[in-house]
PDB file of N, CA and C in Angstrom:
ATOM      1  N   MET A   1      39.794 -30.832  45.368  1.00  0.00           N
ATOM      2  CA  MET A   1      40.026 -30.225  46.651  1.00  0.00           C
ATOM      3  C   MET A   1      41.508 -30.278  47.012  1.00  0.00           C
ATOM      4  N   GLN A   2      42.187 -31.355  46.621  1.00  0.00           N
ATOM      5  CA  GLN A   2      43.618 -31.454  46.919  1.00  0.00           C
ATOM      6  C   GLN A   2      44.400 -30.375  46.183  1.00  0.00           C
ATOM      7  N   LYS A   3      44.047 -30.145  44.910  1.00  0.00           N
ATOM      8  CA  LYS A   3      44.726 -29.115  44.122  1.00  0.00           C
ATOM      9  C   LYS A   3      44.519 -27.741  44.750  1.00  0.00           C
ATOM     10  N   LEU A   4      43.305 -27.450  45.166  1.00  0.00           N
ATOM     11  CA  LEU A   4      42.999 -26.159  45.777  1.00  0.00           C
ATOM     12  C   LEU A   4      43.715 -25.991  47.110  1.00  0.00           C
ATOM     13  N   SER A   5      43.723 -27.020  47.933  1.00  0.00           N
ATOM     14  CA  SER A   5      44.338 -26.910  49.259  1.00  0.00           C
ATOM     15  C   SER A   5      45.859 -26.781  49.193  1.00  0.00           C
ATOM     16  N   SER A   6      46.472 -27.292  48.131  1.00  0.00           N
ATOM     17  CA  SER A   6      47.922 -27.186  48.017  1.00  0.00           C
ATOM     18  C   SER A   6      48.357 -25.988  47.167  1.00  0.00           C
ATOM     19  N   SER A   7      47.405 -25.246  46.632  1.00  0.00           N
ATOM     20  CA  SER A   7      47.705 -24.094  45.785  1.00  0.00           C
ATOM     21  C   SER A   7      48.097 -22.887  46.627  1.00  0.00           C
ATOM     22  N   THR A   8      49.125 -22.170  46.180  1.00  0.00           N
ATOM     23  CA  THR A   8      49.530 -20.954  46.885  1.00  0.00           C
ATOM     24  C   THR A   8      48.754 -19.729  46.410  1.00  0.00           C
ATOM     25  N   ASP A   9      48.043 -19.855  45.275  1.00  0.00           N
ATOM     26  CA  ASP A   9      47.271 -18.721  44.764  1.00  0.00           C
ATOM     27  C   ASP A   9      45.757 -18.941  44.896  1.00  0.00           C
ATOM     28  N   TYR A  10      45.366 -19.969  45.660  1.00  0.00           N
ATOM     29  CA  TYR A  10      43.955 -20.291  45.920  1.00  0.00           C
ATOM     30  C   TYR A  10      43.155 -20.507  44.644  1.00  0.00           C
ATOM     31  N   GLY A  11      43.777 -21.040  43.624  1.00  0.00           N
ATOM     32  CA  GLY A  11      43.074 -21.384  42.404  1.00  0.00           C
ATOM     33  C   GLY A  11      42.981 -20.269  41.387  1.00  0.00           C
ATOM     34  N   LYS A  12      43.699 -19.189  41.547  1.00  0.00           N
ATOM     35  CA  LYS A  12      43.604 -18.067  40.611  1.00  0.00           C
ATOM     36  C   LYS A  12      44.030 -18.442  39.197  1.00  0.00           C
ATOM     37  N   LYS A  13      44.928 -19.369  39.051  1.00  0.00           N
ATOM     38  CA  LYS A  13      45.422 -19.740  37.723  1.00  0.00           C
ATOM     39  C   LYS A  13      44.665 -20.910  37.116  1.00  0.00           C
ATOM     40  N   GLY A  14      43.644 -21.385  37.765  1.00  0.00           N
ATOM     41  CA  GLY A  14      42.827 -22.442  37.193  1.00  0.00           C
ATOM     42  C   GLY A  14      42.262 -23.364  38.253  1.00  0.00           C
ATOM     43  N   LEU A  15      40.974 -23.564  38.187  1.00  0.00           N
ATOM     44  CA  LEU A  15      40.307 -24.427  39.148  1.00  0.00           C
ATOM     45  C   LEU A  15      39.111 -25.073  38.470  1.00  0.00           C
ATOM     46  N   TRP A  16      38.971 -26.371  38.623  1.00  0.00           N
ATOM     47  CA  TRP A  16      37.823 -27.086  38.072  1.00  0.00           C
ATOM     48  C   TRP A  16      36.626 -26.788  38.960  1.00  0.00           C
ATOM     49  N   PHE A  17      35.795 -25.871  38.504  1.00  0.00           N
ATOM     50  CA  PHE A  17      34.687 -25.352  39.290  1.00  0.00           C
ATOM     51  C   PHE A  17      33.691 -26.435  39.680  1.00  0.00           C
ATOM     52  N   GLY A  18      33.418 -27.355  38.769  1.00  0.00           N
ATOM     53  CA  GLY A  18      32.462 -28.413  39.042  1.00  0.00           C
ATOM     54  C   GLY A  18      32.902 -29.388  40.112  1.00  0.00           C
ATOM     55  N   GLY A  19      34.191 -29.377  40.445  1.00  0.00           N
ATOM     56  CA  GLY A  19      34.704 -30.292  41.453  1.00  0.00           C
ATOM     57  C   GLY A  19      34.506 -29.813  42.886  1.00  0.00           C
ATOM     58  N   LEU A  20      34.006 -28.611  43.046  1.00  0.00           N
ATOM     59  CA  LEU A  20      33.789 -28.087  44.392  1.00  0.00           C
ATOM     60  C   LEU A  20      32.447 -28.550  44.951  1.00  0.00           C
ATOM     61  N   LEU A  21      32.363 -28.659  46.263  1.00  0.00           N
ATOM     62  CA  LEU A  21      31.122 -29.088  46.894  1.00  0.00           C
ATOM     63  C   LEU A  21      30.065 -27.981  46.865  1.00  0.00           C
ATOM     64  N   PHE A  22      30.476 -26.740  47.074  1.00  0.00           N
ATOM     65  CA  PHE A  22      29.568 -25.595  47.078  1.00  0.00           C
ATOM     66  C   PHE A  22      30.143 -24.503  46.181  1.00  0.00           C
ATOM     67  N   PRO A  23      30.015 -24.663  44.847  1.00  0.00           N
ATOM     68  CA  PRO A  23      30.653 -23.704  43.933  1.00  0.00           C
ATOM     69  C   PRO A  23      30.138 -22.271  44.092  1.00  0.00           C
ATOM     70  N   GLU A  24      28.871 -22.091  44.443  1.00  0.00           N
ATOM     71  CA  GLU A  24      28.352 -20.725  44.605  1.00  0.00           C
ATOM     72  C   GLU A  24      29.021 -20.013  45.776  1.00  0.00           C
ATOM     73  N   ALA A  25      29.353 -20.748  46.822  1.00  0.00           N
ATOM     74  CA  ALA A  25      30.058 -20.161  47.957  1.00  0.00           C
ATOM     75  C   ALA A  25      31.489 -19.801  47.566  1.00  0.00           C
ATOM     76  N   PHE A  26      32.116 -20.626  46.734  1.00  0.00           N
ATOM     77  CA  PHE A  26      33.464 -20.314  46.278  1.00  0.00           C
ATOM     78  C   PHE A  26      33.451 -19.072  45.394  1.00  0.00           C
ATOM     79  N   MET A  27      32.441 -18.934  44.537  1.00  0.00           N
ATOM     80  CA  MET A  27      32.332 -17.748  43.674  1.00  0.00           C
ATOM     81  C   MET A  27      32.196 -16.487  44.525  1.00  0.00           C
ATOM     82  N   THR A  28      31.401 -16.545  45.568  1.00  0.00           N
ATOM     83  CA  THR A  28      31.259 -15.407  46.481  1.00  0.00           C
ATOM     84  C   THR A  28      32.586 -15.093  47.151  1.00  0.00           C
ATOM     85  N   ALA A  29      33.300 -16.123  47.566  1.00  0.00           N
ATOM     86  CA  ALA A  29      34.594 -15.929  48.224  1.00  0.00           C
ATOM     87  C   ALA A  29      35.621 -15.311  47.275  1.00  0.00           C
ATOM     88  N   THR A  30      35.590 -15.679  45.986  1.00  0.00           N
ATOM     89  CA  THR A  30      36.529 -15.083  45.038  1.00  0.00           C
ATOM     90  C   THR A  30      36.248 -13.596  44.878  1.00  0.00           C
ATOM     91  N   ARG A  31      34.975 -13.223  44.842  1.00  0.00           N
ATOM     92  CA  ARG A  31      34.615 -11.797  44.743  1.00  0.00           C
ATOM     93  C   ARG A  31      35.109 -11.042  45.975  1.00  0.00           C
ATOM     94  N   GLN A  32      34.896 -11.619  47.141  1.00  0.00           N
ATOM     95  CA  GLN A  32      35.342 -10.973  48.374  1.00  0.00           C
ATOM     96  C   GLN A  32      36.861 -10.849  48.405  1.00  0.00           C
ATOM     97  N   SER A  33      37.555 -11.852  47.942  1.00  0.00           N
ATOM     98  CA  SER A  33      39.016 -11.847  47.926  1.00  0.00           C
ATOM     99  C   SER A  33      39.556 -10.735  47.025  1.00  0.00           C
ATOM    100  N   VAL A  34      39.008 -10.631  45.811  1.00  0.00           N
ATOM    101  CA  VAL A  34      39.459  -9.602  44.876  1.00  0.00           C
ATOM    102  C   VAL A  34      39.151  -8.211  45.421  1.00  0.00           C
ATOM    103  N   ALA A  35      37.959  -8.034  45.988  1.00  0.00           N
ATOM    104  CA  ALA A  35      37.590  -6.732  46.551  1.00  0.00           C
ATOM    105  C   ALA A  35      38.521  -6.349  47.694  1.00  0.00           C
ATOM    106  N   GLN A  36      38.794  -7.275  48.582  1.00  0.00           N
ATOM    107  CA  GLN A  36      39.659  -6.992  49.722  1.00  0.00           C
ATOM    108  C   GLN A  36      41.093  -6.721  49.279  1.00  0.00           C
ATOM    109  N   GLU A  37      41.575  -7.512  48.350  1.00  0.00           N
ATOM    110  CA  GLU A  37      42.949  -7.378  47.858  1.00  0.00           C
ATOM    111  C   GLU A  37      43.197  -5.998  47.225  1.00  0.00           C
ATOM    112  N   ASN A  38      42.163  -5.458  46.574  1.00  0.00           N
ATOM    113  CA  ASN A  38      42.293  -4.182  45.874  1.00  0.00           C
ATOM    114  C   ASN A  38      41.654  -3.010  46.613  1.00  0.00           C
ATOM    115  N   LYS A  39      41.152  -3.269  47.830  1.00  0.00           N
ATOM    116  CA  LYS A  39      40.501  -2.243  48.655  1.00  0.00           C
ATOM    117  C   LYS A  39      39.314  -1.609  47.925  1.00  0.00           C
ATOM    118  N   TRP A  40      38.505  -2.472  47.285  1.00  0.00           N
ATOM    119  CA  TRP A  40      37.295  -2.056  46.588  1.00  0.00           C
ATOM    120  C   TRP A  40      36.099  -2.593  47.359  1.00  0.00           C
ATOM    121  N   SER A  41      34.945  -1.968  47.162  1.00  0.00           N
ATOM    122  CA  SER A  41      33.715  -2.535  47.711  1.00  0.00           C
ATOM    123  C   SER A  41      33.193  -3.582  46.727  1.00  0.00           C
ATOM    124  N   LEU A  42      32.363  -4.483  47.203  1.00  0.00           N
ATOM    125  CA  LEU A  42      31.794  -5.511  46.322  1.00  0.00           C
ATOM    126  C   LEU A  42      30.957  -4.887  45.214  1.00  0.00           C
ATOM    127  N   GLU A  43      30.356  -3.737  45.492  1.00  0.00           N
ATOM    128  CA  GLU A  43      29.515  -3.064  44.502  1.00  0.00           C
ATOM    129  C   GLU A  43      30.332  -2.536  43.320  1.00  0.00           C
ATOM    130  N   GLU A  44      31.636  -2.350  43.512  1.00  0.00           N
ATOM    131  CA  GLU A  44      32.499  -1.843  42.443  1.00  0.00           C
ATOM    132  C   GLU A  44      32.948  -2.934  41.472  1.00  0.00           C
ATOM    133  N   LEU A  45      32.731  -4.188  41.821  1.00  0.00           N
ATOM    134  CA  LEU A  45      33.185  -5.298  40.982  1.00  0.00           C
ATOM    135  C   LEU A  45      32.214  -5.567  39.849  1.00  0.00           C
ATOM    136  N   ASP A  46      32.771  -5.927  38.702  1.00  0.00           N
ATOM    137  CA  ASP A  46      31.993  -6.397  37.562  1.00  0.00           C
ATOM    138  C   ASP A  46      32.463  -7.806  37.239  1.00  0.00           C
ATOM    139  N   LEU A  47      31.521  -8.698  36.961  1.00  0.00           N
ATOM    140  CA  LEU A  47      31.873 -10.055  36.570  1.00  0.00           C
ATOM    141  C   LEU A  47      32.241 -10.047  35.094  1.00  0.00           C
ATOM    142  N   LYS A  48      33.451 -10.455  34.793  1.00  0.00           N
ATOM    143  CA  LYS A  48      33.925 -10.523  33.416  1.00  0.00           C
ATOM    144  C   LYS A  48      34.120 -11.984  33.075  1.00  0.00           C
ATOM    145  N   PHE A  49      33.599 -12.384  31.946  1.00  0.00           N
ATOM    146  CA  PHE A  49      33.636 -13.779  31.538  1.00  0.00           C
ATOM    147  C   PHE A  49      34.341 -13.875  30.198  1.00  0.00           C
ATOM    148  N   GLU A  50      35.434 -14.599  30.131  1.00  0.00           N
ATOM    149  CA  GLU A  50      36.165 -14.807  28.887  1.00  0.00           C
ATOM    150  C   GLU A  50      36.153 -16.287  28.552  1.00  0.00           C
ATOM    151  N   VAL A  51      35.811 -16.599  27.308  1.00  0.00           N
ATOM    152  CA  VAL A  51      35.807 -17.983  26.857  1.00  0.00           C
ATOM    153  C   VAL A  51      37.172 -18.313  26.281  1.00  0.00           C
ATOM    154  N   ASP A  52      37.779 -19.376  26.793  1.00  0.00           N
ATOM    155  CA  ASP A  52      39.046 -19.901  26.291  1.00  0.00           C
ATOM    156  C   ASP A  52      40.142 -18.835  26.213  1.00  0.00           C
ATOM    157  N   PRO A  53      40.534 -18.254  27.361  1.00  0.00           N
ATOM    158  CA  PRO A  53      41.601 -17.247  27.346  1.00  0.00           C
ATOM    159  C   PRO A  53      42.936 -17.866  26.927  1.00  0.00           C
ATOM    160  N   SER A  54      43.804 -17.053  26.351  1.00  0.00           N
ATOM    161  CA  SER A  54      45.123 -17.534  25.920  1.00  0.00           C
ATOM    162  C   SER A  54      45.991 -17.830  27.140  1.00  0.00           C
ATOM    163  N   ASP A  55      47.046 -18.596  26.927  1.00  0.00           N
ATOM    164  CA  ASP A  55      47.991 -18.884  28.016  1.00  0.00           C
ATOM    165  C   ASP A  55      48.616 -17.597  28.537  1.00  0.00           C
ATOM    166  N   GLU A  56      48.854 -16.635  27.649  1.00  0.00           N
ATOM    167  CA  GLU A  56      49.424 -15.347  28.052  1.00  0.00           C
ATOM    168  C   GLU A  56      48.456 -14.588  28.962  1.00  0.00           C
ATOM    169  N   ALA A  57      47.169 -14.578  28.604  1.00  0.00           N
ATOM    170  CA  ALA A  57      46.168 -13.892  29.430  1.00  0.00           C
ATOM    171  C   ALA A  57      46.057 -14.545  30.808  1.00  0.00           C
ATOM    172  N   ILE A  58      46.162 -15.865  30.846  1.00  0.00           N
ATOM    173  CA  ILE A  58      46.095 -16.575  32.126  1.00  0.00           C
ATOM    174  C   ILE A  58      47.306 -16.232  32.988  1.00  0.00           C
ATOM    175  N   SER A  59      48.487 -16.211  32.390  1.00  0.00           N
ATOM    176  CA  SER A  59      49.695 -15.929  33.173  1.00  0.00           C
ATOM    177  C   SER A  59      49.743 -14.487  33.660  1.00  0.00           C
ATOM    178  N   LYS A  60      49.103 -13.555  32.947  1.00  0.00           N
ATOM    179  CA  LYS A  60      49.100 -12.146  33.341  1.00  0.00           C
ATOM    180  C   LYS A  60      47.928 -11.793  34.252  1.00  0.00           C
ATOM    181  N   ASN A  61      47.073 -12.747  34.545  1.00  0.00           N
ATOM    182  CA  ASN A  61      45.892 -12.499  35.361  1.00  0.00           C
ATOM    183  C   ASN A  61      46.288 -12.046  36.768  1.00  0.00           C
ATOM    184  N   GLN A  62      45.900 -10.832  37.133  1.00  0.00           N
ATOM    185  CA  GLN A  62      46.197 -10.294  38.459  1.00  0.00           C
ATOM    186  C   GLN A  62      44.940  -9.891  39.214  1.00  0.00           C
ATOM    187  N   LEU A  63      43.822  -9.761  38.526  1.00  0.00           N
ATOM    188  CA  LEU A  63      42.635  -9.192  39.161  1.00  0.00           C
ATOM    189  C   LEU A  63      41.491 -10.175  39.353  1.00  0.00           C
ATOM    190  N   GLY A  64      41.711 -11.441  39.158  1.00  0.00           N
ATOM    191  CA  GLY A  64      40.596 -12.361  39.295  1.00  0.00           C
ATOM    192  C   GLY A  64      41.039 -13.802  39.344  1.00  0.00           C
ATOM    193  N   PHE A  65      40.101 -14.678  39.051  1.00  0.00           N
ATOM    194  CA  PHE A  65      40.321 -16.119  39.116  1.00  0.00           C
ATOM    195  C   PHE A  65      39.997 -16.741  37.771  1.00  0.00           C
ATOM    196  N   ILE A  66      40.729 -17.770  37.414  1.00  0.00           N
ATOM    197  CA  ILE A  66      40.477 -18.551  36.213  1.00  0.00           C
ATOM    198  C   ILE A  66      39.671 -19.770  36.643  1.00  0.00           C
ATOM    199  N   VAL A  67      38.543 -20.005  35.990  1.00  0.00           N
ATOM    200  CA  VAL A  67      37.659 -21.117  36.336  1.00  0.00           C
ATOM    201  C   VAL A  67      37.592 -22.069  35.156  1.00  0.00           C
ATOM    202  N   GLU A  68      37.752 -23.357  35.409  1.00  0.00           N
ATOM    203  CA  GLU A  68      37.680 -24.383  34.376  1.00  0.00           C
ATOM    204  C   GLU A  68      36.460 -25.257  34.612  1.00  0.00           C
ATOM    205  N   GLY A  69      35.883 -25.786  33.542  1.00  0.00           N
ATOM    206  CA  GLY A  69      34.786 -26.737  33.661  1.00  0.00           C
ATOM    207  C   GLY A  69      33.499 -26.127  34.179  1.00  0.00           C
ATOM    208  N   LEU A  70      33.219 -24.896  33.811  1.00  0.00           N
ATOM    209  CA  LEU A  70      32.032 -24.191  34.288  1.00  0.00           C
ATOM    210  C   LEU A  70      30.850 -24.471  33.369  1.00  0.00           C
ATOM    211  N   SER A  71      29.715 -24.776  33.941  1.00  0.00           N
ATOM    212  CA  SER A  71      28.466 -24.931  33.194  1.00  0.00           C
ATOM    213  C   SER A  71      27.478 -23.901  33.712  1.00  0.00           C
ATOM    214  N   ILE A  72      26.836 -23.202  32.793  1.00  0.00           N
ATOM    215  CA  ILE A  72      25.854 -22.189  33.174  1.00  0.00           C
ATOM    216  C   ILE A  72      24.519 -22.576  32.565  1.00  0.00           C
ATOM    217  N   GLU A  73      23.494 -22.625  33.384  1.00  0.00           N
ATOM    218  CA  GLU A  73      22.154 -22.949  32.902  1.00  0.00           C
ATOM    219  C   GLU A  73      21.384 -21.665  32.653  1.00  0.00           C
ATOM    220  N   GLY A  74      20.615 -21.640  31.582  1.00  0.00           N
ATOM    221  CA  GLY A  74      19.759 -20.494  31.286  1.00  0.00           C
ATOM    222  C   GLY A  74      20.511 -19.277  30.791  1.00  0.00           C
ATOM    223  N   ALA A  75      21.674 -19.474  30.170  1.00  0.00           N
ATOM    224  CA  ALA A  75      22.465 -18.356  29.662  1.00  0.00           C
ATOM    225  C   ALA A  75      22.627 -18.493  28.146  1.00  0.00           C
ATOM    226  N   SER A  76      22.931 -17.400  27.511  1.00  0.00           N
ATOM    227  CA  SER A  76      23.213 -17.452  26.079  1.00  0.00           C
ATOM    228  C   SER A  76      24.589 -16.838  25.841  1.00  0.00           C
ATOM    229  N   TYR A  77      25.175 -17.170  24.700  1.00  0.00           N
ATOM    230  CA  TYR A  77      26.508 -16.701  24.366  1.00  0.00           C
ATOM    231  C   TYR A  77      26.565 -16.357  22.895  1.00  0.00           C
ATOM    232  N   SER A  78      27.222 -15.247  22.596  1.00  0.00           N
ATOM    233  CA  SER A  78      27.441 -14.854  21.204  1.00  0.00           C
ATOM    234  C   SER A  78      28.890 -14.410  21.057  1.00  0.00           C
ATOM    235  N   ARG A  79      29.589 -14.945  20.086  1.00  0.00           N
ATOM    236  CA  ARG A  79      30.975 -14.560  19.852  1.00  0.00           C
ATOM    237  C   ARG A  79      31.097 -13.115  19.366  1.00  0.00           C
ATOM    238  N   ASP A  80      30.000 -12.543  18.854  1.00  0.00           N
ATOM    239  CA  ASP A  80      30.019 -11.195  18.293  1.00  0.00           C
ATOM    240  C   ASP A  80      30.125 -10.109  19.346  1.00  0.00           C
ATOM    241  N   GLU A  81      29.785 -10.390  20.566  1.00  0.00           N
ATOM    242  CA  GLU A  81      29.778  -9.351  21.615  1.00  0.00           C
ATOM    243  C   GLU A  81      31.065  -9.312  22.362  1.00  0.00           C
TER     244      GLU A  81
END
């Protein structure tokens, strides 16, 4: 919480998701922030998930948030897709 409160980019460059008290509310807020910033409706947003992005991709990130320490239950992952 200290890292997030002192951040000028509200965690866009990296945030330990598991450290939040209500992570689902933060995820909703990130969607609203991106939509408002780009003058898009929430329906126009697509959730994009990248595993282990490069430092270059993180530094060039302008359209979303970088999340660290995320655990997803009931999901599957394939490197081929």
